[in-house]
Amino acid sequence: RDEVVKFLKQCISMDIRTVVIVHGRGERSNPPALMKSFVSSWLQQIKEVQCVHSAQRFHGGSGAVYVLLRKSADKKLENRERHQKRLG
């Protein structure tokens, strides 16, 4: 869990908003896909995570998830200013 949180904080600090987390399929574990359940649960608890979706097959399929991170306050302000100039 700590590694996932640390990774997401690094992404946020570098203004990376879309990431892929590969957790593996857990085919050989008993019960299967335990890590997938944990990762899904952890991501729901992190306020910076906007949404999570299963990855496309070529990005890992059921062994990975896409994570969309919320915009930082700086990026929101930057966006607001950019769009305000167009309107005004």
C-alpha atoms as a PDB file:
ATOM      1  CA  ARG A   1       0.000   0.000   0.000  1.00  0.00           C
ATOM      2  CA  ASP A   2       2.767   2.411   0.910  1.00  0.00           C
ATOM      3  CA  GLU A   3       4.453   1.925  -2.471  1.00  0.00           C
ATOM      4  CA  VAL A   4       1.212   2.666  -4.338  1.00  0.00           C
ATOM      5  CA  VAL A   5       0.653   5.857  -2.328  1.00  0.00           C
ATOM      6  CA  LYS A   6       4.282   6.916  -2.802  1.00  0.00           C
ATOM      7  CA  PHE A   7       4.055   6.290  -6.564  1.00  0.00           C
ATOM      8  CA  LEU A   8       0.855   8.329  -6.885  1.00  0.00           C
ATOM      9  CA  LYS A   9       2.327  11.220  -4.871  1.00  0.00           C
ATOM     10  CA  GLN A  10       5.329  11.270  -7.218  1.00  0.00           C
ATOM     11  CA  CYS A  11       2.989  11.364 -10.209  1.00  0.00           C
ATOM     12  CA  ILE A  12       0.995  14.219  -8.691  1.00  0.00           C
ATOM     13  CA  SER A  13       4.148  16.212  -7.965  1.00  0.00           C
ATOM     14  CA  MET A  14       5.188  15.823 -11.626  1.00  0.00           C
ATOM     15  CA  ASP A  15       1.669  16.719 -12.884  1.00  0.00           C
ATOM     16  CA  ILE A  16       1.142  13.242 -14.334  1.00  0.00           C
ATOM     17  CA  ARG A  17      -2.606  12.637 -14.313  1.00  0.00           C
ATOM     18  CA  THR A  18      -3.002   9.242 -15.968  1.00  0.00           C
ATOM     19  CA  VAL A  19      -1.081   6.151 -14.864  1.00  0.00           C
ATOM     20  CA  VAL A  20      -1.220   2.382 -15.244  1.00  0.00           C
ATOM     21  CA  ILE A  21      -0.723   0.236 -12.163  1.00  0.00           C
ATOM     22  CA  VAL A  22       0.150  -3.387 -12.915  1.00  0.00           C
ATOM     23  CA  HIS A  23      -0.873  -5.587 -10.008  1.00  0.00           C
ATOM     24  CA  GLY A  24      -0.757  -8.923 -11.835  1.00  0.00           C
ATOM     25  CA  ARG A  25      -3.516 -11.452 -12.326  1.00  0.00           C
ATOM     26  CA  GLY A  26      -2.748 -13.694  -9.383  1.00  0.00           C
ATOM     27  CA  GLU A  27      -3.454 -16.856 -11.368  1.00  0.00           C
ATOM     28  CA  ARG A  28      -1.159 -18.994  -9.223  1.00  0.00           C
ATOM     29  CA  SER A  29      -2.213 -17.561  -5.872  1.00  0.00           C
ATOM     30  CA  ASN A  30      -4.893 -18.908  -3.607  1.00  0.00           C
ATOM     31  CA  PRO A  31      -7.334 -17.166  -3.518  1.00  0.00           C
ATOM     32  CA  PRO A  32      -6.729 -15.702  -6.989  1.00  0.00           C
ATOM     33  CA  ALA A  33      -6.586 -11.952  -7.717  1.00  0.00           C
ATOM     34  CA  LEU A  34      -6.067 -10.965  -4.087  1.00  0.00           C
ATOM     35  CA  MET A  35      -3.695  -8.109  -4.981  1.00  0.00           C
ATOM     36  CA  LYS A  36      -6.230  -6.730  -7.477  1.00  0.00           C
ATOM     37  CA  SER A  37      -8.795  -6.453  -4.681  1.00  0.00           C
ATOM     38  CA  PHE A  38      -6.323  -4.759  -2.369  1.00  0.00           C
ATOM     39  CA  VAL A  39      -5.192  -2.242  -5.006  1.00  0.00           C
ATOM     40  CA  SER A  40      -8.793  -1.416  -5.886  1.00  0.00           C
ATOM     41  CA  SER A  41      -9.643  -0.856  -2.237  1.00  0.00           C
ATOM     42  CA  TRP A  42      -6.567   1.308  -1.619  1.00  0.00           C
ATOM     43  CA  LEU A  43      -7.215   3.483  -4.656  1.00  0.00           C
ATOM     44  CA  GLN A  44     -10.786   4.200  -3.517  1.00  0.00           C
ATOM     45  CA  GLN A  45      -9.402   5.580  -0.246  1.00  0.00           C
ATOM     46  CA  ILE A  46      -7.026   8.077  -1.888  1.00  0.00           C
ATOM     47  CA  LYS A  47      -8.741  11.449  -2.417  1.00  0.00           C
ATOM     48  CA  GLU A  48      -6.441  12.414  -5.309  1.00  0.00           C
ATOM     49  CA  VAL A  49      -7.741   9.462  -7.360  1.00  0.00           C
ATOM     50  CA  GLN A  50     -10.571  10.589  -9.603  1.00  0.00           C
ATOM     51  CA  CYS A  51     -11.383   7.212 -11.152  1.00  0.00           C
ATOM     52  CA  VAL A  52     -10.051   3.704 -11.749  1.00  0.00           C
ATOM     53  CA  HIS A  53     -10.745   1.435 -14.722  1.00  0.00           C
ATOM     54  CA  SER A  54      -9.563  -1.973 -15.890  1.00  0.00           C
ATOM     55  CA  ALA A  55      -6.766  -1.717 -18.435  1.00  0.00           C
ATOM     56  CA  GLN A  56      -6.983  -2.650 -22.103  1.00  0.00           C
ATOM     57  CA  ARG A  57      -5.561  -6.049 -22.969  1.00  0.00           C
ATOM     58  CA  PHE A  58      -2.381  -4.561 -24.495  1.00  0.00           C
ATOM     59  CA  HIS A  59      -1.727  -2.627 -21.246  1.00  0.00           C
ATOM     60  CA  GLY A  60      -2.100  -5.665 -18.985  1.00  0.00           C
ATOM     61  CA  GLY A  61      -5.804  -6.457 -19.166  1.00  0.00           C
ATOM     62  CA  SER A  62      -7.215  -7.839 -15.922  1.00  0.00           C
ATOM     63  CA  GLY A  63      -3.735  -7.624 -14.387  1.00  0.00           C
ATOM     64  CA  ALA A  64      -3.628  -3.810 -14.492  1.00  0.00           C
ATOM     65  CA  VAL A  65      -5.737  -0.703 -13.941  1.00  0.00           C
ATOM     66  CA  TYR A  66      -5.783   2.814 -15.328  1.00  0.00           C
ATOM     67  CA  VAL A  67      -5.819   5.511 -12.659  1.00  0.00           C
ATOM     68  CA  LEU A  68      -6.916   9.076 -13.392  1.00  0.00           C
ATOM     69  CA  LEU A  69      -5.637  11.586 -10.842  1.00  0.00           C
ATOM     70  CA  ARG A  70      -7.324  14.873  -9.965  1.00  0.00           C
ATOM     71  CA  LYS A  71      -5.852  18.171 -11.139  1.00  0.00           C
ATOM     72  CA  SER A  72      -3.657  20.020  -8.708  1.00  0.00           C
ATOM     73  CA  ALA A  73      -4.853  23.399  -7.430  1.00  0.00           C
ATOM     74  CA  ASP A  74      -2.168  25.085  -9.564  1.00  0.00           C
ATOM     75  CA  LYS A  75      -3.361  23.350 -12.727  1.00  0.00           C
ATOM     76  CA  LYS A  76      -6.988  24.249 -11.974  1.00  0.00           C
ATOM     77  CA  LEU A  77      -6.032  27.909 -11.587  1.00  0.00           C
ATOM     78  CA  GLU A  78      -3.934  27.792 -14.755  1.00  0.00           C
ATOM     79  CA  ASN A  79      -6.873  26.319 -16.669  1.00  0.00           C
ATOM     80  CA  ARG A  80      -9.284  28.909 -15.286  1.00  0.00           C
ATOM     81  CA  GLU A  81      -6.978  31.747 -16.300  1.00  0.00           C
ATOM     82  CA  ARG A  82      -6.449  30.320 -19.775  1.00  0.00           C
ATOM     83  CA  HIS A  83     -10.182  29.966 -20.429  1.00  0.00           C
ATOM     84  CA  GLN A  84     -10.989  33.340 -18.870  1.00  0.00           C
ATOM     85  CA  LYS A  85      -8.708  35.070 -21.389  1.00  0.00           C
ATOM     86  CA  ARG A  86     -10.618  33.490 -24.253  1.00  0.00           C
ATOM     87  CA  LEU A  87     -13.976  34.569 -22.873  1.00  0.00           C
ATOM     88  CA  GLY A  88     -13.011  38.111 -21.888  1.00  0.00           C
END
